[in-house]
C-alpha cells in the first residue's frame, strides 16, 4: 500500500493545470477560484475578452496563477484553438471543467429551431469536442486526467409549467449520460469524468426567472430553504478535481439545497 496522505494532501492541487470554460463569471468563476485556491494554475475562457480580463484580475488578487483565452465554445474551430493555445501556454491540462452554456425560454410547441441548435451546440457538442481535443493531446498520452461537466438538476427531470426550457433540460440530460458514457469508456485510460448538477444559483442566466418568481419563493421550495451562493460549488468541484476523489467517476452530484430529493 502507498503511504497514507493527510486530508490536506488529498485536496492539494499544487502543480496541476486547469481549464475552465465559461470561467469569467458566475459558477465558472467560482469553480476557477476553488481550483486556484487549492494550488492549481488556471486558464479561464469565455467569448468576451473584457470580462475575462476583469475575472483574471480578481483571481490574481486572491493569489491565484490565472490567465485567459477568449473563445466561443459553440464553434468547433474556436474549441480546437482554445485547446491548442492552452496546451501551448501552460502545458498539459490535468483538469478540464466544461461549464460554458446557454439557455432559451419558449413554449415547446413554438421553440425556434435555431435556438434549439444554439443550446445543443454549446451545452452538448461543445463539451464533447473540447473533452476530445484535450484528452487526445494531453490526458490519454499520460493516462491521467479529470473532466468535470456542469450539468443541472434541469437534466434530472421536468420543470414546473412556468419554466419553458425544453432545449436546456434536454441538453443537460444529455450531459448527464455523456458524463457516464465517457467515464466508462475512458476509465481504463486513467481519466475520471464526473458532473456537478447545480440547482438555482443567482446568475446572469437565472436573473430573469428569479426576478419573475421571486428569490424567497424559489428558496422556499428547497429543503434547505435557500438558493446557492458564491461558495456552494467549491467543495464539489475540488472533490472531483483532486486525489480525494480518485475512486469516483461517472457520478452526478446535485448541489441544489435538496430540491432533487423531493418527490412530486
Foldseek 3Di string as FASTA:
>chain_A
DDDDDDPLQQLAPAPAEEEFEVQLDDPNVLQVLLNQVSHYQYEYEEADPVSQVVSVVVSVVVVGNYYYDYFHLLDLVRLLVVLVVVCVPPNAHAEYELDDFAFDADAPVPDDPVRLSSRQSRLPVSLVSNVVNNCVVHCLVVLAHEYEYEAAVLCVDDDPPVGRTVSNNVSSVNVLVVQLVVQVVSVVSHYAGEYEHEYDDDDPRCVVVCVVCPQQNVLCLAPQSHHDYSNQCSVVSSCRSGSVVSVDHSYYHYRYNHNSVDDD
